[in-house]
């Protein structure tokens, strides 16, 4: 017999997986319908795009690259993924591009999700 915390953790994982599946379905449906949001029960649901750093050549290659660049200040014995993601967002905002030397080592990834906020 599992402990209550283990049961709750398992249920939470199941609910998150179900939410992820539903979100993909909603994003596909909204794209086909040309929607970018909707109001539901006093809340506004909208499509948001999160930009983050990905490391296709591995984190060690990213650390080496950044340590030798003008952005060496964000490198510790490791690179904080959130800090690297913030840098990627800053460099790519308004159509900017990442340096050519970063290609294949640090890239801008994007993940679309449904955001919710209180309707105005």
PDB file of N, CA and C in Angstrom:
ATOM      1  N   UNK A   1       0.833  -1.182   0.000  1.00  0.00           N
ATOM      2  CA  UNK A   1       0.000   0.000   0.000  1.00  0.00           C
ATOM      3  C   UNK A   1       0.877   1.244   0.000  1.00  0.00           C
ATOM      4  N   UNK A   2       0.552   2.195  -0.880  1.00  0.00           N
ATOM      5  CA  UNK A   2       1.349   3.416  -0.996  1.00  0.00           C
ATOM      6  C   UNK A   2       0.957   4.422   0.085  1.00  0.00           C
ATOM      7  N   UNK A   3       1.910   5.260   0.438  1.00  0.00           N
ATOM      8  CA  UNK A   3       1.626   6.319   1.401  1.00  0.00           C
ATOM      9  C   UNK A   3       0.806   7.412   0.732  1.00  0.00           C
ATOM     10  N   UNK A   4       0.151   8.204   1.518  1.00  0.00           N
ATOM     11  CA  UNK A   4      -0.679   9.291   0.988  1.00  0.00           C
ATOM     12  C   UNK A   4       0.139  10.259   0.125  1.00  0.00           C
ATOM     13  N   UNK A   5       1.329  10.693   0.570  1.00  0.00           N
ATOM     14  CA  UNK A   5       2.111  11.583  -0.300  1.00  0.00           C
ATOM     15  C   UNK A   5       2.453  10.948  -1.651  1.00  0.00           C
ATOM     16  N   UNK A   6       2.771   9.661  -1.659  1.00  0.00           N
ATOM     17  CA  UNK A   6       3.089   8.980  -2.916  1.00  0.00           C
ATOM     18  C   UNK A   6       1.863   8.909  -3.818  1.00  0.00           C
ATOM     19  N   UNK A   7       0.698   8.648  -3.238  1.00  0.00           N
ATOM     20  CA  UNK A   7      -0.549   8.628  -4.014  1.00  0.00           C
ATOM     21  C   UNK A   7      -0.862  10.006  -4.592  1.00  0.00           C
ATOM     22  N   UNK A   8      -0.675  11.025  -3.781  1.00  0.00           N
ATOM     23  CA  UNK A   8      -0.935  12.392  -4.245  1.00  0.00           C
ATOM     24  C   UNK A   8       0.041  12.794  -5.346  1.00  0.00           C
ATOM     25  N   UNK A   9       1.312  12.418  -5.207  1.00  0.00           N
ATOM     26  CA  UNK A   9       2.306  12.707  -6.247  1.00  0.00           C
ATOM     27  C   UNK A   9       1.940  12.024  -7.559  1.00  0.00           C
ATOM     28  N   UNK A  10       1.506  10.771  -7.464  1.00  0.00           N
ATOM     29  CA  UNK A  10       1.108  10.030  -8.669  1.00  0.00           C
ATOM     30  C   UNK A  10      -0.105  10.684  -9.323  1.00  0.00           C
ATOM     31  N   UNK A  11      -1.072  11.100  -8.529  1.00  0.00           N
ATOM     32  CA  UNK A  11      -2.273  11.761  -9.069  1.00  0.00           C
ATOM     33  C   UNK A  11      -1.910  13.092  -9.723  1.00  0.00           C
ATOM     34  N   UNK A  12      -1.008  13.835  -9.079  1.00  0.00           N
ATOM     35  CA  UNK A  12      -0.571  15.105  -9.645  1.00  0.00           C
ATOM     36  C   UNK A  12       0.122  14.891 -10.987  1.00  0.00           C
ATOM     37  N   UNK A  13       0.976  13.881 -11.098  1.00  0.00           N
ATOM     38  CA  UNK A  13       1.636  13.571 -12.379  1.00  0.00           C
ATOM     39  C   UNK A  13       0.600  13.240 -13.449  1.00  0.00           C
ATOM     40  N   UNK A  14      -0.422  12.456 -13.067  1.00  0.00           N
ATOM     41  CA  UNK A  14      -1.479  12.100 -14.019  1.00  0.00           C
ATOM     42  C   UNK A  14      -2.243  13.336 -14.488  1.00  0.00           C
ATOM     43  N   UNK A  15      -2.562  14.225 -13.549  1.00  0.00           N
ATOM     44  CA  UNK A  15      -3.303  15.440 -13.908  1.00  0.00           C
ATOM     45  C   UNK A  15      -2.471  16.358 -14.810  1.00  0.00           C
ATOM     46  N   UNK A  16      -1.169  16.463 -14.533  1.00  0.00           N
ATOM     47  CA  UNK A  16      -0.298  17.286 -15.374  1.00  0.00           C
ATOM     48  C   UNK A  16      -0.197  16.702 -16.780  1.00  0.00           C
ATOM     49  N   UNK A  17      -0.122  15.386 -16.876  1.00  0.00           N
ATOM     50  CA  UNK A  17      -0.066  14.743 -18.194  1.00  0.00           C
ATOM     51  C   UNK A  17      -1.366  14.984 -18.954  1.00  0.00           C
ATOM     52  N   UNK A  18      -2.491  14.895 -18.262  1.00  0.00           N
ATOM     53  CA  UNK A  18      -3.787  15.151 -18.891  1.00  0.00           C
ATOM     54  C   UNK A  18      -3.887  16.605 -19.352  1.00  0.00           C
ATOM     55  N   UNK A  19      -3.413  17.539 -18.510  1.00  0.00           N
ATOM     56  CA  UNK A  19      -3.418  18.952 -18.871  1.00  0.00           C
ATOM     57  C   UNK A  19      -2.556  19.194 -20.113  1.00  0.00           C
ATOM     58  N   UNK A  20      -1.381  18.583 -20.158  1.00  0.00           N
ATOM     59  CA  UNK A  20      -0.487  18.756 -21.303  1.00  0.00           C
ATOM     60  C   UNK A  20      -1.135  18.254 -22.593  1.00  0.00           C
ATOM     61  N   UNK A  21      -1.820  17.123 -22.515  1.00  0.00           N
ATOM     62  CA  UNK A  21      -2.508  16.569 -23.679  1.00  0.00           C
ATOM     63  C   UNK A  21      -3.628  17.503 -24.136  1.00  0.00           C
ATOM     64  N   UNK A  22      -4.408  17.990 -23.183  1.00  0.00           N
ATOM     65  CA  UNK A  22      -5.505  18.906 -23.513  1.00  0.00           C
ATOM     66  C   UNK A  22      -4.979  20.212 -24.105  1.00  0.00           C
ATOM     67  N   UNK A  23      -3.855  20.697 -23.582  1.00  0.00           N
ATOM     68  CA  UNK A  23      -3.281  21.947 -24.079  1.00  0.00           C
ATOM     69  C   UNK A  23      -2.864  21.809 -25.538  1.00  0.00           C
ATOM     70  N   UNK A  24      -2.239  20.696 -25.890  1.00  0.00           N
ATOM     71  CA  UNK A  24      -1.838  20.458 -27.284  1.00  0.00           C
ATOM     72  C   UNK A  24      -3.071  20.426 -28.177  1.00  0.00           C
ATOM     73  N   UNK A  25      -4.114  19.747 -27.725  1.00  0.00           N
ATOM     74  CA  UNK A  25      -5.355  19.678 -28.493  1.00  0.00           C
ATOM     75  C   UNK A  25      -5.964  21.065 -28.676  1.00  0.00           C
ATOM     76  N   UNK A  26      -5.991  21.858 -27.593  1.00  0.00           N
ATOM     77  CA  UNK A  26      -6.542  23.223 -27.678  1.00  0.00           C
ATOM     78  C   UNK A  26      -5.730  24.083 -28.635  1.00  0.00           C
ATOM     79  N   UNK A  27      -4.409  24.000 -28.551  1.00  0.00           N
ATOM     80  CA  UNK A  27      -3.567  24.803 -29.437  1.00  0.00           C
ATOM     81  C   UNK A  27      -3.831  24.449 -30.900  1.00  0.00           C
ATOM     82  N   UNK A  28      -3.954  23.164 -31.191  1.00  0.00           N
ATOM     83  CA  UNK A  28      -4.251  22.730 -32.562  1.00  0.00           C
ATOM     84  C   UNK A  28      -5.627  23.220 -33.001  1.00  0.00           C
ATOM     85  N   UNK A  29      -6.618  23.060 -32.134  1.00  0.00           N
ATOM     86  CA  UNK A  29      -7.980  23.499 -32.466  1.00  0.00           C
ATOM     87  C   UNK A  29      -8.037  25.007 -32.682  1.00  0.00           C
ATOM     88  N   UNK A  30      -7.386  25.761 -31.806  1.00  0.00           N
ATOM     89  CA  UNK A  30      -7.394  27.216 -31.942  1.00  0.00           C
ATOM     90  C   UNK A  30      -6.698  27.643 -33.230  1.00  0.00           C
ATOM     91  N   UNK A  31      -5.603  26.970 -33.582  1.00  0.00           N
ATOM     92  CA  UNK A  31      -4.899  27.308 -34.829  1.00  0.00           C
ATOM     93  C   UNK A  31      -5.802  27.072 -36.027  1.00  0.00           C
ATOM     94  N   UNK A  32      -6.539  25.958 -36.025  1.00  0.00           N
ATOM     95  CA  UNK A  32      -7.443  25.663 -37.140  1.00  0.00           C
ATOM     96  C   UNK A  32      -8.595  26.671 -37.212  1.00  0.00           C
ATOM     97  N   UNK A  33      -9.031  27.188 -36.068  1.00  0.00           N
ATOM     98  CA  UNK A  33     -10.144  28.138 -36.010  1.00  0.00           C
ATOM     99  C   UNK A  33      -9.674  29.589 -36.123  1.00  0.00           C
ATOM    100  N   UNK A  34      -8.362  29.817 -36.107  1.00  0.00           N
ATOM    101  CA  UNK A  34      -7.835  31.171 -36.190  1.00  0.00           C
ATOM    102  C   UNK A  34      -8.013  31.956 -34.901  1.00  0.00           C
ATOM    103  N   UNK A  35      -8.112  31.276 -33.773  1.00  0.00           N
ATOM    104  CA  UNK A  35      -8.291  31.940 -32.479  1.00  0.00           C
ATOM    105  C   UNK A  35      -6.953  32.187 -31.806  1.00  0.00           C
ATOM    106  N   UNK A  36      -6.887  33.270 -31.029  1.00  0.00           N
ATOM    107  CA  UNK A  36      -5.701  33.491 -30.214  1.00  0.00           C
ATOM    108  C   UNK A  36      -6.061  33.634 -28.740  1.00  0.00           C
ATOM    109  N   UNK A  37      -7.353  33.472 -28.427  1.00  0.00           N
ATOM    110  CA  UNK A  37      -7.776  33.535 -27.041  1.00  0.00           C
ATOM    111  C   UNK A  37      -9.284  33.450 -26.931  1.00  0.00           C
ATOM    112  N   UNK A  38      -9.744  33.363 -25.675  1.00  0.00           N
ATOM    113  CA  UNK A  38     -11.172  33.337 -25.414  1.00  0.00           C
ATOM    114  C   UNK A  38     -11.410  33.641 -23.948  1.00  0.00           C
ATOM    115  N   UNK A  39     -12.633  34.070 -23.626  1.00  0.00           N
ATOM    116  CA  UNK A  39     -13.013  34.306 -22.237  1.00  0.00           C
ATOM    117  C   UNK A  39     -13.859  33.129 -21.764  1.00  0.00           C
ATOM    118  N   UNK A  40     -13.623  32.737 -20.516  1.00  0.00           N
ATOM    119  CA  UNK A  40     -14.331  31.599 -19.947  1.00  0.00           C
ATOM    120  C   UNK A  40     -14.414  31.794 -18.435  1.00  0.00           C
ATOM    121  N   UNK A  41     -15.614  31.843 -17.920  1.00  0.00           N
ATOM    122  CA  UNK A  41     -15.842  31.948 -16.473  1.00  0.00           C
ATOM    123  C   UNK A  41     -15.055  33.094 -15.830  1.00  0.00           C
ATOM    124  N   UNK A  42     -15.084  34.270 -16.448  1.00  0.00           N
ATOM    125  CA  UNK A  42     -14.411  35.433 -15.873  1.00  0.00           C
ATOM    126  C   UNK A  42     -12.902  35.441 -16.025  1.00  0.00           C
ATOM    127  N   UNK A  43     -12.396  34.541 -16.833  1.00  0.00           N
ATOM    128  CA  UNK A  43     -10.951  34.490 -17.089  1.00  0.00           C
ATOM    129  C   UNK A  43     -10.711  34.554 -18.584  1.00  0.00           C
ATOM    130  N   UNK A  44      -9.554  35.057 -18.962  1.00  0.00           N
ATOM    131  CA  UNK A  44      -9.164  35.105 -20.363  1.00  0.00           C
ATOM    132  C   UNK A  44      -8.089  34.053 -20.594  1.00  0.00           C
ATOM    133  N   UNK A  45      -8.341  33.160 -21.536  1.00  0.00           N
ATOM    134  CA  UNK A  45      -7.350  32.176 -21.952  1.00  0.00           C
ATOM    135  C   UNK A  45      -6.705  32.712 -23.218  1.00  0.00           C
ATOM    136  N   UNK A  46      -5.402  32.601 -23.332  1.00  0.00           N
ATOM    137  CA  UNK A  46      -4.687  33.144 -24.483  1.00  0.00           C
ATOM    138  C   UNK A  46      -3.485  32.269 -24.796  1.00  0.00           C
ATOM    139  N   UNK A  47      -3.015  32.380 -26.028  1.00  0.00           N
ATOM    140  CA  UNK A  47      -1.813  31.644 -26.423  1.00  0.00           C
ATOM    141  C   UNK A  47      -0.609  32.485 -26.036  1.00  0.00           C
ATOM    142  N   UNK A  48       0.308  31.860 -25.348  1.00  0.00           N
ATOM    143  CA  UNK A  48       1.555  32.559 -25.021  1.00  0.00           C
ATOM    144  C   UNK A  48       2.704  31.735 -25.574  1.00  0.00           C
ATOM    145  N   UNK A  49       3.774  32.408 -25.894  1.00  0.00           N
ATOM    146  CA  UNK A  49       4.957  31.743 -26.425  1.00  0.00           C
ATOM    147  C   UNK A  49       6.123  32.038 -25.491  1.00  0.00           C
ATOM    148  N   UNK A  50       6.676  31.001 -24.899  1.00  0.00           N
ATOM    149  CA  UNK A  50       7.817  31.144 -24.009  1.00  0.00           C
ATOM    150  C   UNK A  50       9.090  30.831 -24.787  1.00  0.00           C
ATOM    151  N   UNK A  51      10.076  31.725 -24.704  1.00  0.00           N
ATOM    152  CA  UNK A  51      11.368  31.504 -25.354  1.00  0.00           C
ATOM    153  C   UNK A  51      12.382  31.101 -24.285  1.00  0.00           C
ATOM    154  N   UNK A  52      13.152  30.092 -24.575  1.00  0.00           N
ATOM    155  CA  UNK A  52      14.117  29.580 -23.610  1.00  0.00           C
ATOM    156  C   UNK A  52      15.379  29.133 -24.330  1.00  0.00           C
ATOM    157  N   UNK A  53      16.457  28.981 -23.580  1.00  0.00           N
ATOM    158  CA  UNK A  53      17.715  28.501 -24.147  1.00  0.00           C
ATOM    159  C   UNK A  53      17.697  26.984 -24.184  1.00  0.00           C
ATOM    160  N   UNK A  54      18.113  26.427 -25.302  1.00  0.00           N
ATOM    161  CA  UNK A  54      18.302  24.980 -25.387  1.00  0.00           C
ATOM    162  C   UNK A  54      19.767  24.729 -25.732  1.00  0.00           C
ATOM    163  N   UNK A  55      20.261  23.575 -25.380  1.00  0.00           N
ATOM    164  CA  UNK A  55      21.672  23.264 -25.548  1.00  0.00           C
ATOM    165  C   UNK A  55      21.834  21.972 -26.344  1.00  0.00           C
ATOM    166  N   UNK A  56      21.646  22.027 -27.675  1.00  0.00           N
ATOM    167  CA  UNK A  56      21.706  20.803 -28.475  1.00  0.00           C
ATOM    168  C   UNK A  56      23.071  20.110 -28.446  1.00  0.00           C
ATOM    169  N   UNK A  57      24.135  20.864 -28.212  1.00  0.00           N
ATOM    170  CA  UNK A  57      25.467  20.260 -28.143  1.00  0.00           C
ATOM    171  C   UNK A  57      25.853  19.925 -26.704  1.00  0.00           C
ATOM    172  N   UNK A  58      24.921  20.087 -25.769  1.00  0.00           N
ATOM    173  CA  UNK A  58      25.173  19.796 -24.367  1.00  0.00           C
ATOM    174  C   UNK A  58      25.516  21.052 -23.589  1.00  0.00           C
ATOM    175  N   UNK A  59      25.247  20.983 -22.296  1.00  0.00           N
ATOM    176  CA  UNK A  59      25.457  22.146 -21.435  1.00  0.00           C
ATOM    177  C   UNK A  59      26.936  22.513 -21.306  1.00  0.00           C
ATOM    178  N   UNK A  60      27.806  21.507 -21.340  1.00  0.00           N
ATOM    179  CA  UNK A  60      29.241  21.790 -21.221  1.00  0.00           C
ATOM    180  C   UNK A  60      29.738  22.652 -22.387  1.00  0.00           C
ATOM    181  N   UNK A  61      29.259  22.372 -23.594  1.00  0.00           N
ATOM    182  CA  UNK A  61      29.655  23.184 -24.756  1.00  0.00           C
ATOM    183  C   UNK A  61      29.140  24.604 -24.601  1.00  0.00           C
ATOM    184  N   UNK A  62      27.938  24.754 -24.052  1.00  0.00           N
ATOM    185  CA  UNK A  62      27.383  26.085 -23.831  1.00  0.00           C
ATOM    186  C   UNK A  62      28.198  26.852 -22.793  1.00  0.00           C
ATOM    187  N   UNK A  63      28.606  26.172 -21.737  1.00  0.00           N
ATOM    188  CA  UNK A  63      29.420  26.811 -20.697  1.00  0.00           C
ATOM    189  C   UNK A  63      30.739  27.293 -21.288  1.00  0.00           C
ATOM    190  N   UNK A  64      31.380  26.446 -22.075  1.00  0.00           N
ATOM    191  CA  UNK A  64      32.656  26.817 -22.702  1.00  0.00           C
ATOM    192  C   UNK A  64      32.479  28.012 -23.633  1.00  0.00           C
ATOM    193  N   UNK A  65      31.441  27.975 -24.449  1.00  0.00           N
ATOM    194  CA  UNK A  65      31.179  29.064 -25.390  1.00  0.00           C
ATOM    195  C   UNK A  65      30.931  30.379 -24.660  1.00  0.00           C
ATOM    196  N   UNK A  66      30.058  30.348 -23.660  1.00  0.00           N
ATOM    197  CA  UNK A  66      29.724  31.573 -22.936  1.00  0.00           C
ATOM    198  C   UNK A  66      30.904  32.093 -22.126  1.00  0.00           C
ATOM    199  N   UNK A  67      31.706  31.201 -21.569  1.00  0.00           N
ATOM    200  CA  UNK A  67      32.858  31.608 -20.769  1.00  0.00           C
ATOM    201  C   UNK A  67      33.859  32.398 -21.604  1.00  0.00           C
ATOM    202  N   UNK A  68      33.884  32.134 -22.918  1.00  0.00           N
ATOM    203  CA  UNK A  68      34.821  32.812 -23.808  1.00  0.00           C
ATOM    204  C   UNK A  68      34.183  33.994 -24.526  1.00  0.00           C
ATOM    205  N   UNK A  69      32.981  34.391 -24.109  1.00  0.00           N
ATOM    206  CA  UNK A  69      32.273  35.469 -24.799  1.00  0.00           C
ATOM    207  C   UNK A  69      32.100  36.675 -23.886  1.00  0.00           C
ATOM    208  N   UNK A  70      31.454  37.696 -24.430  1.00  0.00           N
ATOM    209  CA  UNK A  70      31.166  38.898 -23.646  1.00  0.00           C
ATOM    210  C   UNK A  70      30.110  38.639 -22.569  1.00  0.00           C
ATOM    211  N   UNK A  71      29.516  37.449 -22.569  1.00  0.00           N
ATOM    212  CA  UNK A  71      28.494  37.101 -21.583  1.00  0.00           C
ATOM    213  C   UNK A  71      29.041  36.157 -20.523  1.00  0.00           C
ATOM    214  N   UNK A  72      30.352  36.154 -20.335  1.00  0.00           N
ATOM    215  CA  UNK A  72      31.001  35.246 -19.379  1.00  0.00           C
ATOM    216  C   UNK A  72      30.508  35.472 -17.957  1.00  0.00           C
ATOM    217  N   UNK A  73      29.947  36.646 -17.682  1.00  0.00           N
ATOM    218  CA  UNK A  73      29.489  36.947 -16.331  1.00  0.00           C
ATOM    219  C   UNK A  73      28.337  36.045 -15.871  1.00  0.00           C
ATOM    220  N   UNK A  74      27.631  35.406 -16.792  1.00  0.00           N
ATOM    221  CA  UNK A  74      26.535  34.521 -16.367  1.00  0.00           C
ATOM    222  C   UNK A  74      27.020  33.095 -16.141  1.00  0.00           C
ATOM    223  N   UNK A  75      28.301  32.832 -16.423  1.00  0.00           N
ATOM    224  CA  UNK A  75      28.828  31.477 -16.290  1.00  0.00           C
ATOM    225  C   UNK A  75      29.450  31.300 -14.915  1.00  0.00           C
ATOM    226  N   UNK A  76      28.995  30.298 -14.244  1.00  0.00           N
ATOM    227  CA  UNK A  76      29.589  29.856 -12.991  1.00  0.00           C
ATOM    228  C   UNK A  76      30.196  28.492 -13.346  1.00  0.00           C
ATOM    229  N   UNK A  77      30.453  27.628 -12.384  1.00  0.00           N
ATOM    230  CA  UNK A  77      30.886  26.292 -12.797  1.00  0.00           C
ATOM    231  C   UNK A  77      29.824  25.610 -13.672  1.00  0.00           C
ATOM    232  N   UNK A  78      28.643  26.222 -13.703  1.00  0.00           N
ATOM    233  CA  UNK A  78      27.551  25.744 -14.554  1.00  0.00           C
ATOM    234  C   UNK A  78      26.815  26.974 -15.074  1.00  0.00           C
ATOM    235  N   UNK A  79      25.966  26.791 -16.042  1.00  0.00           N
ATOM    236  CA  UNK A  79      25.149  27.894 -16.543  1.00  0.00           C
ATOM    237  C   UNK A  79      23.747  27.717 -15.990  1.00  0.00           C
ATOM    238  N   UNK A  80      23.223  28.763 -15.374  1.00  0.00           N
ATOM    239  CA  UNK A  80      21.846  28.726 -14.906  1.00  0.00           C
ATOM    240  C   UNK A  80      20.943  28.816 -16.128  1.00  0.00           C
ATOM    241  N   UNK A  81      20.111  27.804 -16.337  1.00  0.00           N
ATOM    242  CA  UNK A  81      19.259  27.743 -17.523  1.00  0.00           C
ATOM    243  C   UNK A  81      18.312  28.928 -17.598  1.00  0.00           C
ATOM    244  N   UNK A  82      17.790  29.365 -16.461  1.00  0.00           N
ATOM    245  CA  UNK A  82      16.888  30.523 -16.467  1.00  0.00           C
ATOM    246  C   UNK A  82      17.623  31.794 -16.887  1.00  0.00           C
ATOM    247  N   UNK A  83      18.857  31.955 -16.421  1.00  0.00           N
ATOM    248  CA  UNK A  83      19.647  33.128 -16.806  1.00  0.00           C
ATOM    249  C   UNK A  83      19.985  33.071 -18.292  1.00  0.00           C
ATOM    250  N   UNK A  84      20.369  31.889 -18.787  1.00  0.00           N
ATOM    251  CA  UNK A  84      20.664  31.744 -20.211  1.00  0.00           C
ATOM    252  C   UNK A  84      19.401  31.997 -21.041  1.00  0.00           C
ATOM    253  N   UNK A  85      18.256  31.539 -20.562  1.00  0.00           N
ATOM    254  CA  UNK A  85      16.991  31.780 -21.274  1.00  0.00           C
ATOM    255  C   UNK A  85      16.676  33.265 -21.329  1.00  0.00           C
ATOM    256  N   UNK A  86      16.922  33.981 -20.226  1.00  0.00           N
ATOM    257  CA  UNK A  86      16.688  35.429 -20.212  1.00  0.00           C
ATOM    258  C   UNK A  86      17.601  36.118 -21.229  1.00  0.00           C
ATOM    259  N   UNK A  87      18.851  35.681 -21.324  1.00  0.00           N
ATOM    260  CA  UNK A  87      19.781  36.242 -22.298  1.00  0.00           C
ATOM    261  C   UNK A  87      19.297  35.959 -23.727  1.00  0.00           C
ATOM    262  N   UNK A  88      18.854  34.738 -23.978  1.00  0.00           N
ATOM    263  CA  UNK A  88      18.343  34.379 -25.307  1.00  0.00           C
ATOM    264  C   UNK A  88      17.123  35.236 -25.656  1.00  0.00           C
ATOM    265  N   UNK A  89      16.209  35.418 -24.689  1.00  0.00           N
ATOM    266  CA  UNK A  89      15.035  36.281 -24.939  1.00  0.00           C
ATOM    267  C   UNK A  89      15.475  37.703 -25.276  1.00  0.00           C
ATOM    268  N   UNK A  90      16.436  38.222 -24.515  1.00  0.00           N
ATOM    269  CA  UNK A  90      16.919  39.585 -24.744  1.00  0.00           C
ATOM    270  C   UNK A  90      17.536  39.736 -26.131  1.00  0.00           C
ATOM    271  N   UNK A  91      18.359  38.765 -26.533  1.00  0.00           N
ATOM    272  CA  UNK A  91      19.047  38.855 -27.817  1.00  0.00           C
ATOM    273  C   UNK A  91      18.105  38.636 -29.007  1.00  0.00           C
ATOM    274  N   UNK A  92      17.026  37.869 -28.812  1.00  0.00           N
ATOM    275  CA  UNK A  92      16.136  37.562 -29.934  1.00  0.00           C
ATOM    276  C   UNK A  92      14.886  38.433 -29.982  1.00  0.00           C
ATOM    277  N   UNK A  93      14.704  39.292 -28.988  1.00  0.00           N
ATOM    278  CA  UNK A  93      13.513  40.149 -29.020  1.00  0.00           C
ATOM    279  C   UNK A  93      13.591  41.079 -30.218  1.00  0.00           C
ATOM    280  N   UNK A  94      12.441  41.437 -30.716  1.00  0.00           N
ATOM    281  CA  UNK A  94      12.330  42.339 -31.874  1.00  0.00           C
ATOM    282  C   UNK A  94      13.061  41.802 -33.098  1.00  0.00           C
ATOM    283  N   UNK A  95      13.056  40.484 -33.269  1.00  0.00           N
ATOM    284  CA  UNK A  95      13.641  39.883 -34.466  1.00  0.00           C
ATOM    285  C   UNK A  95      15.144  39.713 -34.434  1.00  0.00           C
ATOM    286  N   UNK A  96      15.772  39.963 -33.285  1.00  0.00           N
ATOM    287  CA  UNK A  96      17.218  39.799 -33.182  1.00  0.00           C
ATOM    288  C   UNK A  96      17.616  38.339 -33.324  1.00  0.00           C
ATOM    289  N   UNK A  97      18.880  38.108 -33.581  1.00  0.00           N
ATOM    290  CA  UNK A  97      19.379  36.748 -33.756  1.00  0.00           C
ATOM    291  C   UNK A  97      20.506  36.473 -32.778  1.00  0.00           C
ATOM    292  N   UNK A  98      20.701  35.205 -32.496  1.00  0.00           N
ATOM    293  CA  UNK A  98      21.817  34.798 -31.657  1.00  0.00           C
ATOM    294  C   UNK A  98      23.094  34.844 -32.494  1.00  0.00           C
ATOM    295  N   UNK A  99      24.248  35.038 -31.842  1.00  0.00           N
ATOM    296  CA  UNK A  99      25.507  35.057 -32.593  1.00  0.00           C
ATOM    297  C   UNK A  99      25.712  33.761 -33.386  1.00  0.00           C
ATOM    298  N   UNK A 100      26.310  33.880 -34.542  1.00  0.00           N
ATOM    299  CA  UNK A 100      26.565  32.725 -35.420  1.00  0.00           C
ATOM    300  C   UNK A 100      27.386  31.657 -34.700  1.00  0.00           C
ATOM    301  N   UNK A 101      28.322  32.072 -33.863  1.00  0.00           N
ATOM    302  CA  UNK A 101      29.177  31.121 -33.147  1.00  0.00           C
ATOM    303  C   UNK A 101      28.374  30.229 -32.194  1.00  0.00           C
ATOM    304  N   UNK A 102      27.166  30.626 -31.856  1.00  0.00           N
ATOM    305  CA  UNK A 102      26.338  29.856 -30.931  1.00  0.00           C
ATOM    306  C   UNK A 102      25.596  28.719 -31.632  1.00  0.00           C
ATOM    307  N   UNK A 103      25.524  28.766 -32.974  1.00  0.00           N
ATOM    308  CA  UNK A 103      24.717  27.792 -33.724  1.00  0.00           C
ATOM    309  C   UNK A 103      25.097  26.358 -33.345  1.00  0.00           C
ATOM    310  N   UNK A 104      24.099  25.587 -32.990  1.00  0.00           N
ATOM    311  CA  UNK A 104      24.298  24.200 -32.613  1.00  0.00           C
ATOM    312  C   UNK A 104      24.716  23.999 -31.167  1.00  0.00           C
ATOM    313  N   UNK A 105      25.019  25.093 -30.455  1.00  0.00           N
ATOM    314  CA  UNK A 105      25.431  24.995 -29.054  1.00  0.00           C
ATOM    315  C   UNK A 105      24.374  25.593 -28.138  1.00  0.00           C
ATOM    316  N   UNK A 106      23.958  26.814 -28.455  1.00  0.00           N
ATOM    317  CA  UNK A 106      22.864  27.462 -27.732  1.00  0.00           C
ATOM    318  C   UNK A 106      21.891  27.957 -28.784  1.00  0.00           C
ATOM    319  N   UNK A 107      20.653  27.571 -28.658  1.00  0.00           N
ATOM    320  CA  UNK A 107      19.629  27.980 -29.603  1.00  0.00           C
ATOM    321  C   UNK A 107      18.427  28.521 -28.847  1.00  0.00           C
ATOM    322  N   UNK A 108      17.591  29.246 -29.556  1.00  0.00           N
ATOM    323  CA  UNK A 108      16.344  29.750 -28.978  1.00  0.00           C
ATOM    324  C   UNK A 108      15.259  28.711 -29.222  1.00  0.00           C
ATOM    325  N   UNK A 109      14.750  28.174 -28.159  1.00  0.00           N
ATOM    326  CA  UNK A 109      13.619  27.259 -28.265  1.00  0.00           C
ATOM    327  C   UNK A 109      12.350  28.021 -27.927  1.00  0.00           C
ATOM    328  N   UNK A 110      11.237  27.578 -28.450  1.00  0.00           N
ATOM    329  CA  UNK A 110       9.969  28.201 -28.117  1.00  0.00           C
ATOM    330  C   UNK A 110       8.955  27.132 -27.783  1.00  0.00           C
ATOM    331  N   UNK A 111       8.178  27.432 -26.773  1.00  0.00           N
ATOM    332  CA  UNK A 111       7.158  26.505 -26.315  1.00  0.00           C
ATOM    333  C   UNK A 111       5.870  27.308 -26.200  1.00  0.00           C
ATOM    334  N   UNK A 112       4.847  26.846 -26.881  1.00  0.00           N
ATOM    335  CA  UNK A 112       3.556  27.522 -26.821  1.00  0.00           C
ATOM    336  C   UNK A 112       2.703  26.868 -25.747  1.00  0.00           C
ATOM    337  N   UNK A 113       1.952  27.690 -25.036  1.00  0.00           N
ATOM    338  CA  UNK A 113       1.103  27.196 -23.961  1.00  0.00           C
ATOM    339  C   UNK A 113      -0.124  28.089 -23.872  1.00  0.00           C
ATOM    340  N   UNK A 114      -1.112  27.637 -23.170  1.00  0.00           N
ATOM    341  CA  UNK A 114      -2.307  28.423 -22.921  1.00  0.00           C
ATOM    342  C   UNK A 114      -2.093  29.153 -21.603  1.00  0.00           C
ATOM    343  N   UNK A 115      -2.185  30.464 -21.632  1.00  0.00           N
ATOM    344  CA  UNK A 115      -2.080  31.273 -20.417  1.00  0.00           C
ATOM    345  C   UNK A 115      -3.473  31.660 -19.944  1.00  0.00           C
ATOM    346  N   UNK A 116      -3.607  31.928 -18.660  1.00  0.00           N
ATOM    347  CA  UNK A 116      -4.897  32.318 -18.096  1.00  0.00           C
ATOM    348  C   UNK A 116      -4.683  33.541 -17.218  1.00  0.00           C
ATOM    349  N   UNK A 117      -5.557  34.524 -17.360  1.00  0.00           N
ATOM    350  CA  UNK A 117      -5.534  35.683 -16.476  1.00  0.00           C
ATOM    351  C   UNK A 117      -6.959  36.111 -16.222  1.00  0.00           C
ATOM    352  N   UNK A 118      -7.167  36.880 -15.208  1.00  0.00           N
ATOM    353  CA  UNK A 118      -8.497  37.363 -14.889  1.00  0.00           C
ATOM    354  C   UNK A 118      -8.951  38.311 -16.003  1.00  0.00           C
ATOM    355  N   UNK A 119     -10.160  38.104 -16.498  1.00  0.00           N
ATOM    356  CA  UNK A 119     -10.676  38.933 -17.590  1.00  0.00           C
ATOM    357  C   UNK A 119     -10.897  40.351 -17.097  1.00  0.00           C
ATOM    358  N   UNK A 120     -10.678  41.301 -18.000  1.00  0.00           N
ATOM    359  CA  UNK A 120     -10.852  42.719 -17.647  1.00  0.00           C
ATOM    360  C   UNK A 120     -12.309  43.114 -17.671  1.00  0.00           C
TER     361      UNK A 120
END
